[in-house]
Amino acid sequence: MKLDPRQVRSKEKLHEAYLSLIIEGYDQLSIQQVCAKAEVTRPTFYKLYKDITELRKAIIDELLVELKQALTIVNPKPLVEIKEEEKIENFILLFEHVRKNHTAYETLLISQADAWFTNGIKEILKEYVRDGIYFSEARPYLIKVDEELIVAYAAGAYLECIRWWISTNYEMPPVEIAKTLIEISINGPYVKRLT
């Protein structure tokens, strides 16, 4: 269904209102509350959504689609052929996406953690890790354990790093945190020291 510009703006206002009310501490939201906060009529709401659950799902689905786009490896290459700046491209996009949608992430990932959203993020991160291993031809470099354990470990670590970054109020620029995570992912967290 193609939305006209007014419907697009109403949709944005409803999304903002929903998140704002959640931040304010409302657990059970009514359509009336969301419409009042968004300054949108109930008929307009019903043209877009059948209920609050569908509104919530739409917000989450939209975020996950954007996140997946950010983490899609567009130009796959073997690990040895990937330039340093190319290694961090997707992570920069990931962190820029989180910062752009900070209200939603702060709400649905931190203050009122939503299992549906969190699991969706994990699945996208797992797919990114699997693709990274496959496209970069990094399998020979992996330790000898079930590859899905490595995928789950890396995705969980990335998710916690997103949470950490949000909790630090986005202190590190996206480029810096992207470089750090790629360095840790490829070489581990240790610095070689002279003895």
N, C-alpha and C. Protein backbone atom coordinates (compact mmCIF):
# COMPACT_ATOMS: atom_id res chain seq x y z
N MET A 1 0.84 -1.18 0.00
CA MET A 1 0.00 0.00 0.00
C MET A 1 0.89 1.25 0.00
N LYS A 2 0.72 2.07 -1.03
CA LYS A 2 1.47 3.31 -1.16
C LYS A 2 0.79 4.40 -0.33
N LEU A 3 1.57 5.03 0.53
CA LEU A 3 1.02 6.08 1.40
C LEU A 3 1.25 7.45 0.77
N ASP A 4 0.26 8.34 0.92
CA ASP A 4 0.46 9.70 0.46
C ASP A 4 1.28 10.45 1.52
N PRO A 5 1.82 11.62 1.18
CA PRO A 5 2.69 12.34 2.12
C PRO A 5 2.06 12.60 3.49
N ARG A 6 0.76 12.90 3.53
CA ARG A 6 0.09 13.13 4.83
C ARG A 6 0.07 11.86 5.66
N GLN A 7 -0.18 10.72 5.01
CA GLN A 7 -0.19 9.45 5.74
C GLN A 7 1.21 9.11 6.25
N VAL A 8 2.21 9.40 5.44
CA VAL A 8 3.60 9.15 5.87
C VAL A 8 3.89 9.98 7.12
N ARG A 9 3.49 11.25 7.10
CA ARG A 9 3.74 12.11 8.27
C ARG A 9 2.94 11.63 9.48
N SER A 10 1.69 11.19 9.27
CA SER A 10 0.88 10.65 10.37
C SER A 10 1.54 9.40 10.95
N LYS A 11 2.05 8.57 10.08
CA LYS A 11 2.73 7.35 10.53
C LYS A 11 3.94 7.71 11.40
N GLU A 12 4.74 8.66 10.94
CA GLU A 12 5.91 9.10 11.71
C GLU A 12 5.49 9.64 13.08
N LYS A 13 4.43 10.45 13.09
CA LYS A 13 3.95 11.02 14.36
C LYS A 13 3.45 9.93 15.30
N LEU A 14 2.79 8.92 14.77
CA LEU A 14 2.31 7.81 15.61
C LEU A 14 3.48 7.01 16.17
N HIS A 15 4.50 6.78 15.36
CA HIS A 15 5.69 6.07 15.83
C HIS A 15 6.37 6.86 16.96
N GLU A 16 6.54 8.15 16.74
CA GLU A 16 7.17 9.00 17.77
C GLU A 16 6.33 9.03 19.04
N ALA A 17 5.02 9.12 18.89
CA ALA A 17 4.14 9.16 20.06
C ALA A 17 4.20 7.86 20.85
N TYR A 18 4.19 6.74 20.14
CA TYR A 18 4.27 5.43 20.81
C TYR A 18 5.54 5.35 21.64
N LEU A 19 6.67 5.66 21.04
CA LEU A 19 7.96 5.58 21.74
C LEU A 19 8.01 6.57 22.91
N SER A 20 7.50 7.76 22.69
CA SER A 20 7.48 8.77 23.73
C SER A 20 6.68 8.31 24.95
N LEU A 21 5.51 7.71 24.70
CA LEU A 21 4.67 7.22 25.81
C LEU A 21 5.34 6.07 26.55
N ILE A 22 6.03 5.22 25.83
CA ILE A 22 6.76 4.11 26.47
C ILE A 22 7.86 4.68 27.37
N ILE A 23 8.58 5.67 26.86
CA ILE A 23 9.64 6.32 27.65
C ILE A 23 9.05 6.95 28.91
N GLU A 24 7.87 7.52 28.79
CA GLU A 24 7.21 8.15 29.94
C GLU A 24 6.71 7.13 30.96
N GLY A 25 6.79 5.86 30.63
CA GLY A 25 6.47 4.82 31.60
C GLY A 25 5.13 4.13 31.44
N TYR A 26 4.43 4.42 30.37
CA TYR A 26 3.14 3.75 30.15
C TYR A 26 3.38 2.31 29.70
N ASP A 27 2.73 1.36 30.38
CA ASP A 27 2.87 -0.05 30.01
C ASP A 27 1.81 -0.47 29.00
N GLN A 28 0.58 -0.19 29.32
CA GLN A 28 -0.54 -0.53 28.45
C GLN A 28 -1.02 0.74 27.76
N LEU A 29 -0.78 0.82 26.49
CA LEU A 29 -1.18 2.02 25.76
C LEU A 29 -2.50 1.80 25.05
N SER A 30 -3.29 2.85 25.00
CA SER A 30 -4.55 2.80 24.24
C SER A 30 -4.35 3.58 22.94
N ILE A 31 -5.18 3.26 21.99
CA ILE A 31 -5.15 3.99 20.72
C ILE A 31 -5.43 5.47 20.98
N GLN A 32 -6.34 5.75 21.88
CA GLN A 32 -6.68 7.13 22.22
C GLN A 32 -5.46 7.89 22.74
N GLN A 33 -4.68 7.26 23.64
CA GLN A 33 -3.47 7.91 24.18
C GLN A 33 -2.47 8.22 23.07
N VAL A 34 -2.24 7.24 22.21
CA VAL A 34 -1.26 7.42 21.14
C VAL A 34 -1.73 8.50 20.17
N CYS A 35 -2.99 8.48 19.81
CA CYS A 35 -3.54 9.49 18.89
C CYS A 35 -3.44 10.89 19.49
N ALA A 36 -3.77 11.01 20.77
CA ALA A 36 -3.69 12.32 21.44
C ALA A 36 -2.25 12.83 21.44
N LYS A 37 -1.32 11.96 21.78
CA LYS A 37 0.09 12.36 21.82
C LYS A 37 0.60 12.75 20.42
N ALA A 38 0.13 12.00 19.42
CA ALA A 38 0.58 12.24 18.04
C ALA A 38 -0.18 13.37 17.36
N GLU A 39 -1.27 13.79 18.00
CA GLU A 39 -2.16 14.78 17.39
C GLU A 39 -2.67 14.28 16.04
N VAL A 40 -3.14 13.03 16.08
CA VAL A 40 -3.68 12.35 14.91
C VAL A 40 -5.05 11.80 15.29
N THR A 41 -5.99 11.80 14.35
CA THR A 41 -7.33 11.30 14.66
C THR A 41 -7.36 9.77 14.68
N ARG A 42 -8.35 9.23 15.39
CA ARG A 42 -8.52 7.77 15.44
C ARG A 42 -8.77 7.19 14.04
N PRO A 43 -9.60 7.82 13.20
CA PRO A 43 -9.78 7.28 11.85
C PRO A 43 -8.46 7.19 11.07
N THR A 44 -7.60 8.19 11.27
CA THR A 44 -6.29 8.16 10.61
C THR A 44 -5.48 6.98 11.13
N PHE A 45 -5.51 6.76 12.46
CA PHE A 45 -4.82 5.61 13.04
C PHE A 45 -5.30 4.33 12.38
N TYR A 46 -6.61 4.16 12.29
CA TYR A 46 -7.19 2.92 11.76
C TYR A 46 -6.95 2.75 10.26
N LYS A 47 -6.65 3.82 9.55
CA LYS A 47 -6.26 3.68 8.14
C LYS A 47 -4.88 3.04 8.03
N LEU A 48 -4.07 3.22 9.06
CA LEU A 48 -2.69 2.74 9.04
C LEU A 48 -2.49 1.43 9.80
N TYR A 49 -3.19 1.29 10.94
CA TYR A 49 -2.98 0.13 11.83
C TYR A 49 -4.31 -0.35 12.38
N LYS A 50 -4.38 -1.65 12.67
CA LYS A 50 -5.63 -2.15 13.26
C LYS A 50 -5.63 -2.03 14.77
N ASP A 51 -4.42 -2.03 15.40
CA ASP A 51 -4.34 -1.91 16.85
C ASP A 51 -2.92 -1.50 17.28
N ILE A 52 -2.72 -1.39 18.58
CA ILE A 52 -1.42 -0.97 19.12
C ILE A 52 -0.34 -2.01 18.81
N THR A 53 -0.69 -3.28 18.85
CA THR A 53 0.29 -4.33 18.54
C THR A 53 0.81 -4.19 17.12
N GLU A 54 -0.07 -3.90 16.19
CA GLU A 54 0.35 -3.73 14.80
C GLU A 54 1.23 -2.49 14.65
N LEU A 55 0.94 -1.43 15.41
CA LEU A 55 1.78 -0.23 15.40
C LEU A 55 3.18 -0.59 15.91
N ARG A 56 3.25 -1.28 17.03
CA ARG A 56 4.53 -1.70 17.61
C ARG A 56 5.32 -2.55 16.62
N LYS A 57 4.63 -3.50 16.00
CA LYS A 57 5.28 -4.38 15.03
C LYS A 57 5.81 -3.58 13.85
N ALA A 58 5.05 -2.59 13.39
CA ALA A 58 5.48 -1.76 12.26
C ALA A 58 6.74 -0.98 12.60
N ILE A 59 6.80 -0.43 13.82
CA ILE A 59 7.99 0.31 14.26
C ILE A 59 9.20 -0.61 14.25
N ILE A 60 9.05 -1.78 14.86
CA ILE A 60 10.15 -2.73 14.95
C ILE A 60 10.57 -3.23 13.57
N ASP A 61 9.60 -3.60 12.74
CA ASP A 61 9.92 -4.10 11.40
C ASP A 61 10.68 -3.06 10.58
N GLU A 62 10.27 -1.81 10.68
CA GLU A 62 10.94 -0.73 9.94
C GLU A 62 12.40 -0.59 10.39
N LEU A 63 12.61 -0.64 11.70
CA LEU A 63 13.98 -0.55 12.24
C LEU A 63 14.83 -1.73 11.78
N LEU A 64 14.24 -2.93 11.80
CA LEU A 64 15.00 -4.12 11.43
C LEU A 64 15.33 -4.13 9.94
N VAL A 65 14.44 -3.63 9.11
CA VAL A 65 14.72 -3.55 7.67
C VAL A 65 15.90 -2.60 7.43
N GLU A 66 15.89 -1.46 8.11
CA GLU A 66 17.00 -0.50 7.98
C GLU A 66 18.31 -1.10 8.48
N LEU A 67 18.23 -1.80 9.61
CA LEU A 67 19.43 -2.44 10.17
C LEU A 67 19.99 -3.48 9.20
N LYS A 68 19.12 -4.28 8.63
CA LYS A 68 19.56 -5.31 7.67
C LYS A 68 20.22 -4.66 6.47
N GLN A 69 19.66 -3.56 5.99
CA GLN A 69 20.28 -2.84 4.86
C GLN A 69 21.68 -2.36 5.23
N ALA A 70 21.83 -1.85 6.45
CA ALA A 70 23.14 -1.35 6.90
C ALA A 70 24.17 -2.48 6.95
N LEU A 71 23.73 -3.68 7.31
CA LEU A 71 24.66 -4.79 7.50
C LEU A 71 24.73 -5.75 6.32
N THR A 72 24.19 -5.36 5.18
CA THR A 72 24.28 -6.21 4.00
C THR A 72 25.63 -5.98 3.34
N ILE A 73 26.37 -7.07 3.17
CA ILE A 73 27.69 -6.99 2.54
C ILE A 73 27.46 -6.88 1.03
N VAL A 74 27.78 -5.72 0.48
CA VAL A 74 27.47 -5.43 -0.92
C VAL A 74 28.56 -5.92 -1.86
N ASN A 75 29.80 -5.81 -1.45
CA ASN A 75 30.93 -6.14 -2.33
C ASN A 75 31.80 -7.21 -1.67
N PRO A 76 31.31 -8.47 -1.63
CA PRO A 76 32.06 -9.50 -0.92
C PRO A 76 33.41 -9.82 -1.57
N LYS A 77 34.41 -10.03 -0.70
CA LYS A 77 35.77 -10.36 -1.16
C LYS A 77 36.42 -11.30 -0.14
N PRO A 78 37.46 -12.03 -0.57
CA PRO A 78 38.24 -12.80 0.41
C PRO A 78 38.91 -11.86 1.42
N LEU A 79 39.10 -12.36 2.63
CA LEU A 79 39.66 -11.55 3.72
C LEU A 79 40.95 -10.85 3.33
N VAL A 80 41.83 -11.56 2.62
CA VAL A 80 43.14 -10.99 2.27
C VAL A 80 43.02 -9.84 1.27
N GLU A 81 41.90 -9.74 0.56
CA GLU A 81 41.72 -8.68 -0.43
C GLU A 81 40.94 -7.48 0.10
N ILE A 82 40.45 -7.57 1.35
CA ILE A 82 39.63 -6.49 1.88
C ILE A 82 40.52 -5.41 2.46
N LYS A 83 40.37 -4.19 1.95
CA LYS A 83 41.14 -3.06 2.46
C LYS A 83 40.61 -2.68 3.84
N GLU A 84 41.46 -2.04 4.63
CA GLU A 84 41.08 -1.67 6.00
C GLU A 84 39.80 -0.84 6.06
N GLU A 85 39.68 0.15 5.17
CA GLU A 85 38.49 1.00 5.20
C GLU A 85 37.23 0.24 4.80
N GLU A 86 37.37 -0.80 3.98
CA GLU A 86 36.21 -1.61 3.58
C GLU A 86 35.72 -2.49 4.73
N LYS A 87 36.63 -2.92 5.58
CA LYS A 87 36.26 -3.80 6.69
C LYS A 87 35.27 -3.13 7.65
N ILE A 88 35.33 -1.82 7.75
CA ILE A 88 34.48 -1.14 8.73
C ILE A 88 33.22 -0.52 8.15
N GLU A 89 33.06 -0.57 6.81
CA GLU A 89 31.93 0.12 6.16
C GLU A 89 30.58 -0.26 6.79
N ASN A 90 30.30 -1.57 6.91
CA ASN A 90 29.00 -1.99 7.41
C ASN A 90 28.80 -1.59 8.87
N PHE A 91 29.86 -1.68 9.67
CA PHE A 91 29.72 -1.30 11.07
C PHE A 91 29.48 0.20 11.23
N ILE A 92 30.09 1.00 10.37
CA ILE A 92 29.82 2.44 10.41
C ILE A 92 28.34 2.67 10.13
N LEU A 93 27.82 2.01 9.10
CA LEU A 93 26.40 2.13 8.76
C LEU A 93 25.52 1.66 9.91
N LEU A 94 25.92 0.57 10.57
CA LEU A 94 25.17 0.06 11.72
C LEU A 94 25.07 1.12 12.81
N PHE A 95 26.19 1.69 13.21
CA PHE A 95 26.19 2.65 14.30
C PHE A 95 25.54 3.98 13.90
N GLU A 96 25.65 4.36 12.65
CA GLU A 96 24.93 5.54 12.19
C GLU A 96 23.42 5.30 12.23
N HIS A 97 23.00 4.08 11.87
CA HIS A 97 21.58 3.71 11.95
C HIS A 97 21.08 3.79 13.40
N VAL A 98 21.85 3.26 14.33
CA VAL A 98 21.45 3.29 15.74
C VAL A 98 21.34 4.72 16.23
N ARG A 99 22.33 5.53 15.90
CA ARG A 99 22.31 6.93 16.36
C ARG A 99 21.14 7.70 15.74
N LYS A 100 20.88 7.46 14.46
CA LYS A 100 19.76 8.14 13.79
C LYS A 100 18.43 7.77 14.44
N ASN A 101 18.30 6.53 14.88
CA ASN A 101 17.07 6.02 15.49
C ASN A 101 17.24 5.85 17.00
N HIS A 102 18.00 6.75 17.61
CA HIS A 102 18.37 6.61 19.02
C HIS A 102 17.17 6.48 19.95
N THR A 103 16.11 7.22 19.70
CA THR A 103 14.96 7.14 20.60
C THR A 103 14.39 5.72 20.61
N ALA A 104 14.25 5.14 19.44
CA ALA A 104 13.72 3.77 19.35
C ALA A 104 14.66 2.77 20.02
N TYR A 105 15.95 2.88 19.78
CA TYR A 105 16.91 1.94 20.38
C TYR A 105 17.00 2.12 21.89
N GLU A 106 17.01 3.36 22.34
CA GLU A 106 17.06 3.61 23.79
C GLU A 106 15.82 3.05 24.47
N THR A 107 14.69 3.12 23.78
CA THR A 107 13.43 2.64 24.35
C THR A 107 13.32 1.12 24.26
N LEU A 108 13.45 0.59 23.05
CA LEU A 108 13.14 -0.83 22.79
C LEU A 108 14.30 -1.78 23.09
N LEU A 109 15.51 -1.23 23.23
CA LEU A 109 16.66 -2.09 23.53
C LEU A 109 17.18 -1.89 24.95
N ILE A 110 16.93 -0.71 25.54
CA ILE A 110 17.48 -0.41 26.86
C ILE A 110 16.38 -0.26 27.92
N SER A 111 15.63 0.83 27.88
CA SER A 111 14.73 1.13 29.00
C SER A 111 13.53 0.20 29.09
N GLN A 112 12.95 -0.18 27.98
CA GLN A 112 11.81 -1.12 27.96
C GLN A 112 12.14 -2.21 26.96
N ALA A 113 13.19 -2.96 27.24
CA ALA A 113 13.69 -3.97 26.30
C ALA A 113 12.56 -4.84 25.75
N ASP A 114 12.51 -4.91 24.45
CA ASP A 114 11.49 -5.65 23.73
C ASP A 114 12.12 -6.91 23.15
N ALA A 115 11.64 -8.07 23.56
CA ALA A 115 12.24 -9.35 23.12
C ALA A 115 12.16 -9.52 21.61
N TRP A 116 11.07 -9.13 21.03
CA TRP A 116 10.89 -9.24 19.58
C TRP A 116 11.96 -8.43 18.84
N PHE A 117 12.18 -7.21 19.30
CA PHE A 117 13.18 -6.34 18.69
C PHE A 117 14.58 -6.89 18.92
N THR A 118 14.87 -7.25 20.16
CA THR A 118 16.20 -7.77 20.50
C THR A 118 16.52 -9.03 19.69
N ASN A 119 15.58 -9.94 19.60
CA ASN A 119 15.81 -11.17 18.84
C ASN A 119 15.97 -10.88 17.36
N GLY A 120 15.22 -9.91 16.85
CA GLY A 120 15.38 -9.51 15.45
C GLY A 120 16.76 -8.97 15.17
N ILE A 121 17.26 -8.14 16.09
CA ILE A 121 18.63 -7.60 15.94
C ILE A 121 19.64 -8.75 15.96
N LYS A 122 19.49 -9.68 16.91
CA LYS A 122 20.42 -10.81 17.00
C LYS A 122 20.45 -11.61 15.72
N GLU A 123 19.28 -11.88 15.14
CA GLU A 123 19.23 -12.67 13.90
C GLU A 123 19.93 -11.96 12.76
N ILE A 124 19.75 -10.65 12.66
CA ILE A 124 20.42 -9.87 11.61
C ILE A 124 21.94 -9.88 11.84
N LEU A 125 22.35 -9.72 13.09
CA LEU A 125 23.79 -9.76 13.41
C LEU A 125 24.37 -11.13 13.10
N LYS A 126 23.64 -12.20 13.41
CA LYS A 126 24.12 -13.56 13.10
C LYS A 126 24.29 -13.74 11.60
N GLU A 127 23.33 -13.27 10.84
CA GLU A 127 23.43 -13.38 9.38
C GLU A 127 24.63 -12.61 8.86
N TYR A 128 24.87 -11.42 9.44
CA TYR A 128 26.03 -10.62 9.04
C TYR A 128 27.33 -11.37 9.34
N VAL A 129 27.41 -11.99 10.51
CA VAL A 129 28.62 -12.74 10.87
C VAL A 129 28.80 -13.93 9.94
N ARG A 130 27.72 -14.67 9.69
CA ARG A 130 27.80 -15.83 8.77
C ARG A 130 28.28 -15.38 7.39
N ASP A 131 27.68 -14.30 6.89
CA ASP A 131 28.08 -13.78 5.57
C ASP A 131 29.54 -13.34 5.59
N GLY A 132 29.95 -12.69 6.66
CA GLY A 132 31.34 -12.25 6.77
C GLY A 132 32.31 -13.42 6.73
N ILE A 133 31.98 -14.48 7.44
CA ILE A 133 32.83 -15.68 7.43
C ILE A 133 32.86 -16.29 6.04
N TYR A 134 31.68 -16.40 5.43
CA TYR A 134 31.57 -17.04 4.12
C TYR A 134 32.25 -16.21 3.03
N PHE A 135 31.85 -14.95 2.89
CA PHE A 135 32.35 -14.12 1.80
C PHE A 135 33.84 -13.81 1.94
N SER A 136 34.30 -13.64 3.17
CA SER A 136 35.71 -13.30 3.36
C SER A 136 36.61 -14.52 3.28
N GLU A 137 35.99 -15.69 3.13
CA GLU A 137 36.75 -16.95 3.08
C GLU A 137 37.61 -17.10 4.33
N ALA A 138 37.01 -16.77 5.48
CA ALA A 138 37.75 -16.78 6.75
C ALA A 138 37.67 -18.12 7.47
N ARG A 139 36.94 -19.08 6.93
CA ARG A 139 36.77 -20.37 7.63
C ARG A 139 38.10 -21.02 8.04
N PRO A 140 39.13 -21.01 7.19
CA PRO A 140 40.39 -21.66 7.60
C PRO A 140 41.03 -21.04 8.84
N TYR A 141 40.63 -19.80 9.16
CA TYR A 141 41.22 -19.09 10.30
C TYR A 141 40.44 -19.30 11.60
N LEU A 142 39.27 -19.93 11.52
CA LEU A 142 38.44 -20.12 12.70
C LEU A 142 39.01 -21.22 13.60
N ILE A 143 38.78 -21.06 14.91
CA ILE A 143 39.15 -22.14 15.82
C ILE A 143 38.24 -23.34 15.55
N LYS A 144 38.64 -24.50 15.96
CA LYS A 144 37.93 -25.74 15.65
C LYS A 144 36.77 -25.99 16.62
N VAL A 145 35.69 -25.26 16.43
CA VAL A 145 34.46 -25.49 17.18
C VAL A 145 33.31 -25.35 16.19
N ASP A 146 32.11 -25.69 16.64
CA ASP A 146 30.93 -25.52 15.81
C ASP A 146 30.84 -24.06 15.37
N GLU A 147 30.75 -23.84 14.08
CA GLU A 147 30.72 -22.48 13.54
C GLU A 147 29.55 -21.65 14.09
N GLU A 148 28.42 -22.31 14.37
CA GLU A 148 27.27 -21.58 14.91
C GLU A 148 27.55 -21.03 16.31
N LEU A 149 28.45 -21.67 17.06
CA LEU A 149 28.86 -21.13 18.36
C LEU A 149 29.60 -19.82 18.14
N ILE A 150 30.48 -19.77 17.16
CA ILE A 150 31.22 -18.55 16.86
C ILE A 150 30.26 -17.45 16.41
N VAL A 151 29.29 -17.82 15.57
CA VAL A 151 28.30 -16.86 15.07
C VAL A 151 27.50 -16.28 16.25
N ALA A 152 27.03 -17.16 17.15
CA ALA A 152 26.25 -16.71 18.31
C ALA A 152 27.10 -15.83 19.23
N TYR A 153 28.34 -16.22 19.45
CA TYR A 153 29.26 -15.46 20.30
C TYR A 153 29.48 -14.05 19.74
N ALA A 154 29.79 -13.97 18.44
CA ALA A 154 30.07 -12.67 17.82
C ALA A 154 28.82 -11.79 17.81
N ALA A 155 27.67 -12.37 17.44
CA ALA A 155 26.43 -11.59 17.40
C ALA A 155 26.07 -11.06 18.78
N GLY A 156 26.21 -11.91 19.81
CA GLY A 156 25.94 -11.48 21.18
C GLY A 156 26.87 -10.36 21.62
N ALA A 157 28.14 -10.49 21.24
CA ALA A 157 29.11 -9.46 21.58
C ALA A 157 28.77 -8.14 20.89
N TYR A 158 28.40 -8.20 19.63
CA TYR A 158 28.04 -6.98 18.90
C TYR A 158 26.81 -6.32 19.52
N LEU A 159 25.82 -7.13 19.88
CA LEU A 159 24.62 -6.58 20.50
C LEU A 159 24.95 -5.87 21.81
N GLU A 160 25.79 -6.49 22.63
CA GLU A 160 26.18 -5.86 23.89
C GLU A 160 27.00 -4.60 23.65
N CYS A 161 27.77 -4.57 22.59
CA CYS A 161 28.53 -3.35 22.26
C CYS A 161 27.59 -2.22 21.84
N ILE A 162 26.52 -2.56 21.13
CA ILE A 162 25.51 -1.54 20.78
C ILE A 162 24.90 -0.99 22.06
N ARG A 163 24.53 -1.89 22.99
CA ARG A 163 23.96 -1.44 24.26
C ARG A 163 24.95 -0.56 25.02
N TRP A 164 26.20 -0.99 25.06
CA TRP A 164 27.24 -0.23 25.77
C TRP A 164 27.37 1.16 25.15
N TRP A 165 27.40 1.22 23.82
CA TRP A 165 27.55 2.50 23.12
C TRP A 165 26.40 3.43 23.44
N ILE A 166 25.18 2.90 23.46
CA ILE A 166 24.02 3.71 23.81
C ILE A 166 24.16 4.22 25.25
N SER A 167 24.59 3.33 26.17
CA SER A 167 24.70 3.70 27.59
C SER A 167 25.78 4.74 27.83
N THR A 168 26.76 4.85 26.92
CA THR A 168 27.80 5.88 27.05
C THR A 168 27.39 7.18 26.36
N ASN A 169 26.12 7.23 25.93
CA ASN A 169 25.59 8.40 25.24
C ASN A 169 26.34 8.68 23.94
N TYR A 170 26.70 7.59 23.25
CA TYR A 170 27.30 7.67 21.90
C TYR A 170 28.61 8.45 21.90
N GLU A 171 29.40 8.27 22.95
CA GLU A 171 30.65 9.04 23.07
C GLU A 171 31.61 8.79 21.92
N MET A 172 31.79 7.51 21.56
CA MET A 172 32.70 7.20 20.45
C MET A 172 32.00 7.48 19.13
N PRO A 173 32.68 8.11 18.20
CA PRO A 173 32.09 8.29 16.87
C PRO A 173 31.90 6.92 16.19
N PRO A 174 30.92 6.80 15.30
CA PRO A 174 30.69 5.52 14.62
C PRO A 174 31.95 4.93 13.97
N VAL A 175 32.78 5.77 13.38
CA VAL A 175 34.00 5.26 12.73
C VAL A 175 34.92 4.61 13.75
N GLU A 176 35.07 5.25 14.90
CA GLU A 176 35.97 4.74 15.93
C GLU A 176 35.48 3.42 16.53
N ILE A 177 34.21 3.34 16.85
CA ILE A 177 33.70 2.09 17.42
C ILE A 177 33.70 0.99 16.37
N ALA A 178 33.45 1.34 15.11
CA ALA A 178 33.50 0.35 14.03
C ALA A 178 34.91 -0.22 13.89
N LYS A 179 35.92 0.65 13.89
CA LYS A 179 37.32 0.19 13.79
C LYS A 179 37.68 -0.71 14.97
N THR A 180 37.27 -0.31 16.15
CA THR A 180 37.59 -1.09 17.35
C THR A 180 36.95 -2.47 17.29
N LEU A 181 35.69 -2.55 16.91
CA LEU A 181 35.01 -3.85 16.86
C LEU A 181 35.59 -4.76 15.79
N ILE A 182 35.94 -4.22 14.65
CA ILE A 182 36.56 -5.04 13.60
C ILE A 182 37.92 -5.54 14.07
N GLU A 183 38.68 -4.68 14.72
CA GLU A 183 39.99 -5.10 15.25
C GLU A 183 39.82 -6.23 16.26
N ILE A 184 38.88 -6.09 17.18
CA ILE A 184 38.63 -7.15 18.17
C ILE A 184 38.15 -8.42 17.48
N SER A 185 37.28 -8.27 16.49
CA SER A 185 36.72 -9.44 15.79
C SER A 185 37.79 -10.23 15.05
N ILE A 186 38.73 -9.52 14.45
CA ILE A 186 39.74 -10.20 13.63
C ILE A 186 40.96 -10.63 14.46
N ASN A 187 41.37 -9.77 15.39
CA ASN A 187 42.63 -10.03 16.11
C ASN A 187 42.46 -10.30 17.61
N GLY A 188 41.24 -10.18 18.13
CA GLY A 188 41.04 -10.35 19.57
C GLY A 188 41.31 -9.05 20.29
N PRO A 189 41.08 -9.03 21.61
CA PRO A 189 41.20 -7.79 22.38
C PRO A 189 42.60 -7.51 22.94
N TYR A 190 43.59 -8.35 22.57
CA TYR A 190 44.91 -8.21 23.20
C TYR A 190 45.89 -7.49 22.30
N VAL A 191 46.78 -6.74 22.94
CA VAL A 191 47.86 -6.07 22.24
C VAL A 191 49.11 -6.90 22.47
N LYS A 192 49.86 -7.18 21.41
CA LYS A 192 51.11 -7.92 21.60
C LYS A 192 52.09 -7.01 22.31
N ARG A 193 52.75 -7.54 23.32
CA ARG A 193 53.68 -6.74 24.10
C ARG A 193 55.09 -7.32 23.99
N LEU A 194 56.07 -6.44 23.98
CA LEU A 194 57.47 -6.88 23.98
C LEU A 194 57.82 -7.40 25.36
N THR A 195 58.56 -8.48 25.42
CA THR A 195 58.94 -9.02 26.73
C THR A 195 60.40 -8.78 27.02
